[in-house]
């Protein structure tokens, strides 16, 4: 069974590079983002990663993100 990763800030810059590497290594990845929907959709198209909008500074958003990732991909093994 493939491992599952959640990468916060995963749609641009270093976060995006991490998502690209993890997906290339066969890890199922969810990328969190806070506002740039265009970048998130591009990442989803290009890597197949799940994208989830939220603010890591908001506890309810974090709870929602974890629940959504676990429901779609399975238990989270890696948190970046």
N, C-alpha and C. Protein backbone atom coordinates (compact mmCIF):
# COMPACT_ATOMS: atom_id res chain seq x y z
N UNK A 1 0.85 -1.18 0.00
CA UNK A 1 0.00 0.00 0.00
C UNK A 1 0.89 1.25 0.00
N UNK A 2 0.56 2.20 -0.86
CA UNK A 2 1.34 3.43 -0.97
C UNK A 2 1.21 4.28 0.28
N UNK A 3 2.29 4.96 0.61
CA UNK A 3 2.24 5.89 1.74
C UNK A 3 1.49 7.15 1.31
N UNK A 4 1.04 7.91 2.31
CA UNK A 4 0.25 9.12 2.07
C UNK A 4 0.97 10.29 2.73
N UNK A 5 1.08 11.40 2.00
CA UNK A 5 1.71 12.61 2.52
C UNK A 5 0.76 13.79 2.41
N UNK A 6 0.84 14.67 3.40
CA UNK A 6 0.15 15.97 3.36
C UNK A 6 1.23 17.03 3.39
N UNK A 7 1.27 17.85 2.35
CA UNK A 7 2.27 18.91 2.24
C UNK A 7 1.56 20.25 2.35
N UNK A 8 1.81 20.98 3.43
CA UNK A 8 1.21 22.30 3.59
C UNK A 8 1.98 23.29 2.71
N UNK A 9 1.27 24.24 2.14
CA UNK A 9 1.92 25.18 1.22
C UNK A 9 2.50 24.45 0.02
N UNK A 10 1.78 23.42 -0.43
CA UNK A 10 2.33 22.53 -1.43
C UNK A 10 2.09 22.89 -2.88
N UNK A 11 1.53 24.04 -3.16
CA UNK A 11 1.20 24.34 -4.56
C UNK A 11 2.20 25.26 -5.25
N UNK A 12 3.14 25.83 -4.50
CA UNK A 12 4.11 26.74 -5.12
C UNK A 12 5.47 26.59 -4.45
N UNK A 13 6.50 27.01 -5.13
CA UNK A 13 7.84 27.07 -4.57
C UNK A 13 8.37 25.73 -4.07
N UNK A 14 8.98 25.77 -2.89
CA UNK A 14 9.57 24.57 -2.30
C UNK A 14 8.51 23.51 -2.05
N UNK A 15 7.34 23.92 -1.60
CA UNK A 15 6.27 22.96 -1.35
C UNK A 15 5.89 22.20 -2.61
N UNK A 16 5.81 22.90 -3.72
CA UNK A 16 5.48 22.25 -5.00
C UNK A 16 6.58 21.26 -5.39
N UNK A 17 7.83 21.65 -5.21
CA UNK A 17 8.94 20.75 -5.53
C UNK A 17 8.87 19.48 -4.68
N UNK A 18 8.48 19.63 -3.43
CA UNK A 18 8.34 18.46 -2.55
C UNK A 18 7.21 17.57 -3.05
N UNK A 19 6.08 18.16 -3.42
CA UNK A 19 4.95 17.38 -3.96
C UNK A 19 5.39 16.63 -5.21
N UNK A 20 6.08 17.31 -6.11
CA UNK A 20 6.53 16.67 -7.35
C UNK A 20 7.43 15.48 -7.06
N UNK A 21 8.34 15.63 -6.12
CA UNK A 21 9.26 14.54 -5.78
C UNK A 21 8.51 13.37 -5.14
N UNK A 22 7.63 13.68 -4.19
CA UNK A 22 6.90 12.61 -3.50
C UNK A 22 6.01 11.83 -4.48
N UNK A 23 5.31 12.54 -5.36
CA UNK A 23 4.45 11.83 -6.32
C UNK A 23 5.30 11.00 -7.28
N UNK A 24 6.46 11.51 -7.67
CA UNK A 24 7.36 10.75 -8.55
C UNK A 24 7.84 9.48 -7.86
N UNK A 25 7.93 9.51 -6.54
CA UNK A 25 8.37 8.35 -5.76
C UNK A 25 7.21 7.40 -5.44
N UNK A 26 6.02 7.68 -5.97
CA UNK A 26 4.89 6.79 -5.78
C UNK A 26 4.09 7.02 -4.51
N UNK A 27 4.34 8.12 -3.85
CA UNK A 27 3.59 8.45 -2.63
C UNK A 27 2.32 9.20 -3.03
N UNK A 28 1.23 8.86 -2.39
CA UNK A 28 -0.05 9.55 -2.63
C UNK A 28 0.00 10.86 -1.84
N UNK A 29 -0.19 11.99 -2.52
CA UNK A 29 0.05 13.29 -1.91
C UNK A 29 -1.19 14.18 -1.95
N UNK A 30 -1.41 14.88 -0.85
CA UNK A 30 -2.38 15.97 -0.77
C UNK A 30 -1.59 17.24 -0.52
N UNK A 31 -1.88 18.28 -1.27
CA UNK A 31 -1.19 19.55 -1.14
C UNK A 31 -2.15 20.60 -0.60
N UNK A 32 -1.78 21.21 0.51
CA UNK A 32 -2.59 22.26 1.08
C UNK A 32 -2.23 23.61 0.48
N UNK A 33 -3.23 24.46 0.33
CA UNK A 33 -2.99 25.82 -0.17
C UNK A 33 -4.00 26.75 0.47
N UNK A 34 -3.67 28.05 0.48
CA UNK A 34 -4.57 28.99 1.15
C UNK A 34 -5.30 29.93 0.21
N UNK A 35 -4.81 30.12 -1.02
CA UNK A 35 -5.51 31.10 -1.82
C UNK A 35 -5.37 31.02 -3.32
N UNK A 36 -4.27 30.50 -3.82
CA UNK A 36 -4.03 30.52 -5.25
C UNK A 36 -4.64 29.28 -5.92
N UNK A 37 -5.91 29.38 -6.25
CA UNK A 37 -6.65 28.25 -6.83
C UNK A 37 -6.07 27.85 -8.17
N UNK A 38 -5.62 28.81 -8.95
CA UNK A 38 -5.04 28.50 -10.26
C UNK A 38 -3.80 27.61 -10.12
N UNK A 39 -2.91 27.96 -9.19
CA UNK A 39 -1.71 27.14 -8.95
C UNK A 39 -2.09 25.76 -8.44
N UNK A 40 -3.11 25.70 -7.58
CA UNK A 40 -3.55 24.42 -7.03
C UNK A 40 -4.10 23.51 -8.13
N UNK A 41 -4.92 24.06 -9.00
CA UNK A 41 -5.49 23.25 -10.09
C UNK A 41 -4.41 22.80 -11.07
N UNK A 42 -3.42 23.65 -11.32
CA UNK A 42 -2.31 23.27 -12.20
C UNK A 42 -1.53 22.11 -11.59
N UNK A 43 -1.27 22.19 -10.30
CA UNK A 43 -0.54 21.12 -9.61
C UNK A 43 -1.32 19.81 -9.68
N UNK A 44 -2.61 19.89 -9.46
CA UNK A 44 -3.47 18.70 -9.51
C UNK A 44 -3.41 18.06 -10.90
N UNK A 45 -3.52 18.88 -11.94
CA UNK A 45 -3.46 18.37 -13.32
C UNK A 45 -2.11 17.72 -13.63
N UNK A 46 -1.05 18.39 -13.20
CA UNK A 46 0.30 17.96 -13.58
C UNK A 46 0.83 16.79 -12.76
N UNK A 47 0.39 16.63 -11.52
CA UNK A 47 0.97 15.59 -10.66
C UNK A 47 -0.04 14.55 -10.20
N UNK A 48 -1.32 14.86 -10.31
CA UNK A 48 -2.34 13.96 -9.78
C UNK A 48 -2.54 14.10 -8.29
N UNK A 49 -1.87 15.04 -7.67
CA UNK A 49 -2.00 15.24 -6.22
C UNK A 49 -3.39 15.78 -5.89
N UNK A 50 -3.88 15.40 -4.74
CA UNK A 50 -5.11 15.97 -4.20
C UNK A 50 -4.76 17.38 -3.72
N UNK A 51 -5.63 18.35 -3.91
CA UNK A 51 -5.39 19.69 -3.37
C UNK A 51 -6.52 20.03 -2.42
N UNK A 52 -6.17 20.73 -1.36
CA UNK A 52 -7.17 21.08 -0.35
C UNK A 52 -6.89 22.48 0.17
N UNK A 53 -7.92 23.31 0.12
CA UNK A 53 -7.79 24.71 0.53
C UNK A 53 -8.02 24.83 2.03
N UNK A 54 -7.18 25.64 2.68
CA UNK A 54 -7.34 25.90 4.10
C UNK A 54 -6.20 26.74 4.63
N UNK A 55 -6.34 27.17 5.86
CA UNK A 55 -5.35 27.99 6.54
C UNK A 55 -4.78 27.17 7.69
N UNK A 56 -3.47 26.89 7.66
CA UNK A 56 -2.87 26.08 8.72
C UNK A 56 -2.92 26.76 10.08
N UNK A 57 -3.20 28.05 10.11
CA UNK A 57 -3.35 28.76 11.37
C UNK A 57 -4.75 28.65 11.97
N UNK A 58 -5.65 27.97 11.27
CA UNK A 58 -7.03 27.80 11.71
C UNK A 58 -7.26 26.33 12.05
N UNK A 59 -7.53 26.04 13.32
CA UNK A 59 -7.66 24.66 13.79
C UNK A 59 -8.75 23.90 13.03
N UNK A 60 -9.89 24.54 12.80
CA UNK A 60 -10.98 23.88 12.09
C UNK A 60 -10.57 23.51 10.66
N UNK A 61 -9.82 24.39 9.99
CA UNK A 61 -9.33 24.08 8.65
C UNK A 61 -8.40 22.87 8.67
N UNK A 62 -7.55 22.81 9.70
CA UNK A 62 -6.62 21.67 9.83
C UNK A 62 -7.39 20.37 10.05
N UNK A 63 -8.39 20.42 10.92
CA UNK A 63 -9.20 19.23 11.16
C UNK A 63 -9.88 18.77 9.87
N UNK A 64 -10.43 19.72 9.13
CA UNK A 64 -11.09 19.40 7.87
C UNK A 64 -10.11 18.79 6.87
N UNK A 65 -8.92 19.37 6.76
CA UNK A 65 -7.93 18.88 5.81
C UNK A 65 -7.53 17.45 6.12
N UNK A 66 -7.24 17.17 7.39
CA UNK A 66 -6.83 15.82 7.77
C UNK A 66 -7.95 14.83 7.49
N UNK A 67 -9.17 15.18 7.85
CA UNK A 67 -10.31 14.29 7.62
C UNK A 67 -10.51 14.03 6.12
N UNK A 68 -10.40 15.07 5.31
CA UNK A 68 -10.59 14.91 3.86
C UNK A 68 -9.50 14.04 3.24
N UNK A 69 -8.25 14.27 3.66
CA UNK A 69 -7.14 13.48 3.13
C UNK A 69 -7.30 12.02 3.52
N UNK A 70 -7.60 11.78 4.78
CA UNK A 70 -7.74 10.39 5.23
C UNK A 70 -8.92 9.69 4.57
N UNK A 71 -9.99 10.42 4.31
CA UNK A 71 -11.15 9.83 3.64
C UNK A 71 -10.84 9.45 2.19
N UNK A 72 -10.05 10.28 1.51
CA UNK A 72 -9.77 10.04 0.09
C UNK A 72 -8.53 9.19 -0.15
N UNK A 73 -7.48 9.40 0.65
CA UNK A 73 -6.20 8.74 0.38
C UNK A 73 -5.81 7.69 1.41
N UNK A 74 -6.36 7.80 2.62
CA UNK A 74 -5.98 6.90 3.70
C UNK A 74 -5.21 7.64 4.78
N UNK A 75 -4.77 6.92 5.81
CA UNK A 75 -4.06 7.55 6.93
C UNK A 75 -2.79 8.28 6.47
N UNK A 76 -2.53 9.42 7.06
CA UNK A 76 -1.36 10.23 6.70
C UNK A 76 -0.11 9.64 7.36
N UNK A 77 0.90 9.36 6.53
CA UNK A 77 2.18 8.84 7.00
C UNK A 77 3.24 9.93 7.10
N UNK A 78 3.13 10.94 6.25
CA UNK A 78 4.15 11.99 6.14
C UNK A 78 3.46 13.34 6.19
N UNK A 79 3.97 14.23 7.05
CA UNK A 79 3.44 15.60 7.13
C UNK A 79 4.59 16.56 6.91
N UNK A 80 4.42 17.42 5.89
CA UNK A 80 5.45 18.42 5.57
C UNK A 80 4.81 19.78 5.71
